[in-house]
């Protein structure tokens, strides 16, 4: 996932909103996998929901900042 995200972001830096949204969603999914699998949040559903909500908010905020600037 990291390689795909990096290659996509580097390959098409001037892409449109849909492309940027896709890269951000991929990054958010990658973060969720890391939190769930490697930090053990699979055994703590309430914490996993909280971190997922934070990631969704962060990705939405990052996209909003991008949309306002471009």
N, C-alpha and C. Protein backbone atom coordinates (compact mmCIF):
# COMPACT_ATOMS: atom_id res chain seq x y z
N UNK A 1 0.82 -1.19 0.00
CA UNK A 1 0.00 0.00 0.00
C UNK A 1 0.87 1.26 0.00
N UNK A 2 1.93 1.24 0.76
CA UNK A 2 2.81 2.41 0.81
C UNK A 2 3.42 2.69 -0.55
N UNK A 3 3.87 1.67 -1.20
CA UNK A 3 4.49 1.83 -2.51
C UNK A 3 3.49 2.39 -3.52
N UNK A 4 2.29 1.84 -3.53
CA UNK A 4 1.27 2.30 -4.47
C UNK A 4 0.92 3.76 -4.19
N UNK A 5 0.74 4.12 -2.92
CA UNK A 5 0.42 5.50 -2.57
C UNK A 5 1.52 6.44 -3.01
N UNK A 6 2.76 6.08 -2.75
CA UNK A 6 3.89 6.92 -3.12
C UNK A 6 4.00 7.07 -4.63
N UNK A 7 3.88 5.97 -5.34
CA UNK A 7 3.99 6.03 -6.80
C UNK A 7 2.87 6.85 -7.42
N UNK A 8 1.67 6.69 -6.92
CA UNK A 8 0.54 7.47 -7.46
C UNK A 8 0.71 8.95 -7.18
N UNK A 9 1.09 9.30 -5.98
CA UNK A 9 1.24 10.70 -5.62
C UNK A 9 2.39 11.35 -6.38
N UNK A 10 3.43 10.60 -6.64
CA UNK A 10 4.59 11.13 -7.34
C UNK A 10 4.35 11.18 -8.85
N UNK A 11 3.63 10.24 -9.35
CA UNK A 11 3.44 10.09 -10.80
C UNK A 11 2.55 11.17 -11.40
N UNK A 12 1.49 11.52 -10.68
CA UNK A 12 0.51 12.46 -11.22
C UNK A 12 0.27 13.57 -10.19
N UNK A 13 1.24 14.47 -9.99
CA UNK A 13 1.08 15.48 -8.95
C UNK A 13 -0.01 16.51 -9.24
N UNK A 14 -0.34 16.77 -10.50
CA UNK A 14 -1.34 17.77 -10.83
C UNK A 14 -2.70 17.18 -11.15
N UNK A 15 -2.99 16.01 -10.66
CA UNK A 15 -4.25 15.33 -10.97
C UNK A 15 -5.43 16.04 -10.32
N UNK A 16 -6.61 15.63 -10.69
CA UNK A 16 -7.82 16.27 -10.20
C UNK A 16 -8.24 15.80 -8.83
N UNK A 17 -9.39 16.31 -8.43
CA UNK A 17 -9.92 16.05 -7.09
C UNK A 17 -10.18 14.57 -6.84
N UNK A 18 -10.68 13.86 -7.83
CA UNK A 18 -10.99 12.45 -7.65
C UNK A 18 -9.72 11.64 -7.38
N UNK A 19 -8.66 11.95 -8.10
CA UNK A 19 -7.39 11.25 -7.89
C UNK A 19 -6.84 11.51 -6.49
N UNK A 20 -6.88 12.79 -6.08
CA UNK A 20 -6.38 13.15 -4.75
C UNK A 20 -7.22 12.46 -3.68
N UNK A 21 -8.52 12.42 -3.87
CA UNK A 21 -9.39 11.73 -2.91
C UNK A 21 -9.02 10.25 -2.83
N UNK A 22 -8.73 9.63 -3.97
CA UNK A 22 -8.34 8.22 -3.98
C UNK A 22 -7.05 7.98 -3.23
N UNK A 23 -6.07 8.84 -3.42
CA UNK A 23 -4.79 8.69 -2.72
C UNK A 23 -5.00 8.88 -1.21
N UNK A 24 -5.81 9.85 -0.84
CA UNK A 24 -6.08 10.07 0.59
C UNK A 24 -6.82 8.89 1.21
N UNK A 25 -7.79 8.35 0.50
CA UNK A 25 -8.52 7.18 1.02
C UNK A 25 -7.57 6.00 1.17
N UNK A 26 -6.71 5.79 0.19
CA UNK A 26 -5.73 4.70 0.28
C UNK A 26 -4.81 4.90 1.48
N UNK A 27 -4.40 6.13 1.72
CA UNK A 27 -3.55 6.42 2.88
C UNK A 27 -4.30 6.16 4.19
N UNK A 28 -5.57 6.55 4.23
CA UNK A 28 -6.38 6.29 5.43
C UNK A 28 -6.57 4.81 5.69
N UNK A 29 -6.79 4.05 4.64
CA UNK A 29 -6.92 2.59 4.79
C UNK A 29 -5.62 1.98 5.29
N UNK A 30 -4.53 2.48 4.76
CA UNK A 30 -3.22 1.99 5.21
C UNK A 30 -3.04 2.27 6.71
N UNK A 31 -3.41 3.46 7.13
CA UNK A 31 -3.33 3.80 8.55
C UNK A 31 -4.20 2.90 9.40
N UNK A 32 -5.38 2.60 8.91
CA UNK A 32 -6.29 1.72 9.67
C UNK A 32 -5.73 0.31 9.79
N UNK A 33 -5.14 -0.20 8.71
CA UNK A 33 -4.53 -1.53 8.75
C UNK A 33 -3.40 -1.55 9.77
N UNK A 34 -2.57 -0.52 9.76
CA UNK A 34 -1.46 -0.46 10.71
C UNK A 34 -1.99 -0.44 12.14
N UNK A 35 -2.97 0.40 12.40
CA UNK A 35 -3.52 0.48 13.75
C UNK A 35 -4.18 -0.83 14.18
N UNK A 36 -4.93 -1.43 13.26
CA UNK A 36 -5.66 -2.65 13.61
C UNK A 36 -4.74 -3.85 13.80
N UNK A 37 -3.85 -4.07 12.85
CA UNK A 37 -3.04 -5.28 12.86
C UNK A 37 -1.79 -5.16 13.73
N UNK A 38 -1.06 -4.08 13.58
CA UNK A 38 0.25 -3.99 14.21
C UNK A 38 0.20 -3.41 15.62
N UNK A 39 -0.80 -2.61 15.90
CA UNK A 39 -0.90 -2.06 17.25
C UNK A 39 -1.93 -2.80 18.10
N UNK A 40 -2.53 -3.84 17.53
CA UNK A 40 -3.41 -4.71 18.30
C UNK A 40 -4.80 -4.17 18.58
N UNK A 41 -5.26 -3.21 17.79
CA UNK A 41 -6.60 -2.67 18.04
C UNK A 41 -7.71 -3.61 17.59
N UNK A 42 -7.34 -4.72 16.97
CA UNK A 42 -8.35 -5.72 16.60
C UNK A 42 -9.01 -6.29 17.85
N UNK A 43 -8.27 -6.30 18.96
CA UNK A 43 -8.81 -6.81 20.22
C UNK A 43 -9.51 -5.73 21.03
N UNK A 44 -9.50 -4.49 20.56
CA UNK A 44 -10.13 -3.39 21.30
C UNK A 44 -11.05 -2.62 20.36
N UNK A 45 -12.25 -3.14 20.10
CA UNK A 45 -13.13 -2.53 19.11
C UNK A 45 -13.49 -1.07 19.39
N UNK A 46 -13.65 -0.70 20.63
CA UNK A 46 -14.03 0.68 20.91
C UNK A 46 -12.89 1.65 20.57
N UNK A 47 -11.66 1.27 20.88
CA UNK A 47 -10.51 2.10 20.50
C UNK A 47 -10.35 2.14 18.98
N UNK A 48 -10.58 0.99 18.33
CA UNK A 48 -10.47 0.93 16.87
C UNK A 48 -11.48 1.88 16.22
N UNK A 49 -12.72 1.91 16.75
CA UNK A 49 -13.72 2.83 16.21
C UNK A 49 -13.30 4.28 16.40
N UNK A 50 -12.74 4.58 17.56
CA UNK A 50 -12.28 5.94 17.82
C UNK A 50 -11.16 6.36 16.88
N UNK A 51 -10.18 5.47 16.69
CA UNK A 51 -9.08 5.79 15.78
C UNK A 51 -9.56 5.86 14.33
N UNK A 52 -10.52 5.01 13.97
CA UNK A 52 -11.08 5.07 12.63
C UNK A 52 -11.80 6.40 12.40
N UNK A 53 -12.55 6.84 13.39
CA UNK A 53 -13.23 8.14 13.28
C UNK A 53 -12.22 9.26 13.13
N UNK A 54 -11.13 9.19 13.88
CA UNK A 54 -10.08 10.19 13.76
C UNK A 54 -9.48 10.18 12.36
N UNK A 55 -9.18 8.99 11.82
CA UNK A 55 -8.60 8.88 10.49
C UNK A 55 -9.54 9.44 9.42
N UNK A 56 -10.82 9.13 9.53
CA UNK A 56 -11.80 9.64 8.58
C UNK A 56 -11.83 11.17 8.64
N UNK A 57 -11.84 11.71 9.85
CA UNK A 57 -11.82 13.16 10.01
C UNK A 57 -10.56 13.79 9.45
N UNK A 58 -9.43 13.16 9.69
CA UNK A 58 -8.16 13.67 9.21
C UNK A 58 -8.11 13.67 7.68
N UNK A 59 -8.55 12.58 7.07
CA UNK A 59 -8.57 12.49 5.61
C UNK A 59 -9.52 13.53 5.03
N UNK A 60 -10.68 13.69 5.64
CA UNK A 60 -11.65 14.69 5.17
C UNK A 60 -11.08 16.10 5.29
N UNK A 61 -10.40 16.38 6.40
CA UNK A 61 -9.79 17.69 6.59
C UNK A 61 -8.68 17.93 5.57
N UNK A 62 -7.87 16.93 5.32
CA UNK A 62 -6.79 17.05 4.33
C UNK A 62 -7.37 17.33 2.94
N UNK A 63 -8.46 16.64 2.61
CA UNK A 63 -9.08 16.89 1.31
C UNK A 63 -9.70 18.28 1.24
N UNK A 64 -10.31 18.72 2.33
CA UNK A 64 -10.92 20.06 2.35
C UNK A 64 -9.84 21.13 2.18
N UNK A 65 -8.71 20.95 2.83
CA UNK A 65 -7.61 21.91 2.68
C UNK A 65 -7.10 21.90 1.24
N UNK A 66 -6.98 20.73 0.66
CA UNK A 66 -6.57 20.65 -0.75
C UNK A 66 -7.58 21.34 -1.66
N UNK A 67 -8.85 21.08 -1.43
CA UNK A 67 -9.90 21.66 -2.27
C UNK A 67 -9.94 23.19 -2.16
N UNK A 68 -9.68 23.71 -1.01
CA UNK A 68 -9.69 25.17 -0.83
C UNK A 68 -8.48 25.82 -1.49
N UNK A 69 -7.39 25.11 -1.54
CA UNK A 69 -6.18 25.67 -2.12
C UNK A 69 -6.09 25.52 -3.62
N UNK A 70 -6.85 24.60 -4.18
CA UNK A 70 -6.71 24.36 -5.60
C UNK A 70 -7.96 24.60 -6.29
